[in-house]
């Protein structure tokens, strides 16, 4: 199914779109120190664990499930068949969480 439906290629393209949107956000929110990833597994690094934990908590309360990773990174790992519209919705929630910091 992964090969038949082209999910590997889709994940690479969707991951680039997601990281591009997050890099744009980084310019507006200096609390984001780095955006990195491979395919749809994306990490957003913060200056400290406290900021990271607060963002994870705010996102959860707003309906976006993200995970803490390491000591100061948020991990986003959407499904392989995620669509740009769904990424845009997640980015909007994530940006609102950053604005509340």
Protein backbone atom coordinates (compact mmCIF):
# COMPACT_ATOMS: atom_id res chain seq x y z
CA UNK A 1 0.00 0.00 0.00
CA UNK A 2 2.84 2.39 0.85
CA UNK A 3 4.36 1.90 -2.60
CA UNK A 4 1.06 1.63 -4.49
CA UNK A 5 -0.28 4.88 -3.09
CA UNK A 6 3.05 6.73 -3.36
CA UNK A 7 3.15 7.51 0.33
CA UNK A 8 6.95 7.74 0.54
CA UNK A 9 7.07 10.44 -2.14
CA UNK A 10 4.05 12.16 -0.62
CA UNK A 11 5.69 12.14 2.83
CA UNK A 12 8.84 13.75 1.40
CA UNK A 13 6.82 16.49 -0.33
CA UNK A 14 4.49 17.09 2.62
CA UNK A 15 7.49 17.17 4.98
CA UNK A 16 9.16 19.87 2.88
CA UNK A 17 5.92 21.86 2.92
CA UNK A 18 5.61 21.48 6.70
CA UNK A 19 9.23 22.45 7.35
CA UNK A 20 8.91 25.40 4.99
CA UNK A 21 5.89 26.70 6.88
CA UNK A 22 7.71 26.24 10.20
CA UNK A 23 10.81 28.04 8.90
CA UNK A 24 8.59 30.98 7.90
CA UNK A 25 7.17 30.92 11.41
CA UNK A 26 10.69 30.92 12.87
CA UNK A 27 11.28 34.35 11.33
CA UNK A 28 8.27 35.75 13.25
CA UNK A 29 8.86 33.84 16.48
CA UNK A 30 12.50 33.97 17.62
CA UNK A 31 11.69 31.48 20.39
CA UNK A 32 12.07 28.82 17.68
CA UNK A 33 15.78 28.10 17.49
CA UNK A 34 15.84 25.45 14.78
CA UNK A 35 13.56 23.46 12.49
CA UNK A 36 14.85 20.11 11.28
CA UNK A 37 13.49 16.86 10.03
CA UNK A 38 13.31 14.08 7.53
CA UNK A 39 10.11 13.50 5.60
CA UNK A 40 7.21 14.07 7.97
CA UNK A 41 9.21 13.62 11.19
CA UNK A 42 9.93 17.22 12.14
CA UNK A 43 11.63 18.70 15.20
CA UNK A 44 11.24 22.28 16.39
CA UNK A 45 13.88 23.27 18.93
CA UNK A 46 13.24 25.81 21.68
CA UNK A 47 15.70 27.61 23.99
CA UNK A 48 14.72 25.47 26.98
CA UNK A 49 12.49 22.69 28.20
CA UNK A 50 10.13 25.07 29.98
CA UNK A 51 9.20 26.87 26.73
CA UNK A 52 8.87 23.56 24.93
CA UNK A 53 6.64 22.08 27.62
CA UNK A 54 4.40 25.14 27.62
CA UNK A 55 3.95 24.93 23.82
CA UNK A 56 3.11 21.22 24.04
CA UNK A 57 0.52 21.96 26.74
CA UNK A 58 -1.08 24.86 24.85
CA UNK A 59 -1.23 22.85 21.62
CA UNK A 60 -2.91 19.97 23.45
CA UNK A 61 -5.54 22.29 24.91
CA UNK A 62 -6.20 23.64 21.41
CA UNK A 63 -6.56 20.16 19.90
CA UNK A 64 -3.11 19.63 18.35
CA UNK A 65 -1.12 16.69 19.64
CA UNK A 66 2.64 17.28 19.50
CA UNK A 67 5.29 15.52 21.54
CA UNK A 68 8.26 16.65 23.54
CA UNK A 69 11.48 15.11 22.28
CA UNK A 70 14.83 15.32 24.03
CA UNK A 71 15.25 18.17 26.45
CA UNK A 72 13.92 21.12 24.43
CA UNK A 73 12.42 19.95 21.13
CA UNK A 74 8.84 19.52 19.94
CA UNK A 75 8.24 16.66 17.53
CA UNK A 76 5.56 16.77 14.86
CA UNK A 77 4.81 13.46 13.19
CA UNK A 78 1.69 13.68 11.02
CA UNK A 79 0.31 10.67 9.14
CA UNK A 80 1.84 9.72 5.79
CA UNK A 81 -1.30 10.79 3.93
CA UNK A 82 -1.59 14.26 5.49
CA UNK A 83 -2.81 16.96 3.13
CA UNK A 84 -1.61 20.58 2.86
CA UNK A 85 -4.90 21.84 4.31
CA UNK A 86 -4.38 19.70 7.41
CA UNK A 87 -0.80 20.94 7.73
CA UNK A 88 -2.08 24.52 7.48
CA UNK A 89 -4.59 23.86 10.28
CA UNK A 90 -1.86 22.40 12.51
CA UNK A 91 0.45 25.33 11.75
CA UNK A 92 -2.29 27.79 12.70
CA UNK A 93 -2.77 26.09 16.09
CA UNK A 94 0.99 25.89 16.63
CA UNK A 95 1.40 29.58 15.85
CA UNK A 96 -1.39 30.51 18.27
CA UNK A 97 0.42 28.47 20.94
CA UNK A 98 3.64 30.37 20.26
CA UNK A 99 1.79 33.67 20.52
CA UNK A 100 0.57 32.67 23.98
CA UNK A 101 4.07 32.04 25.31
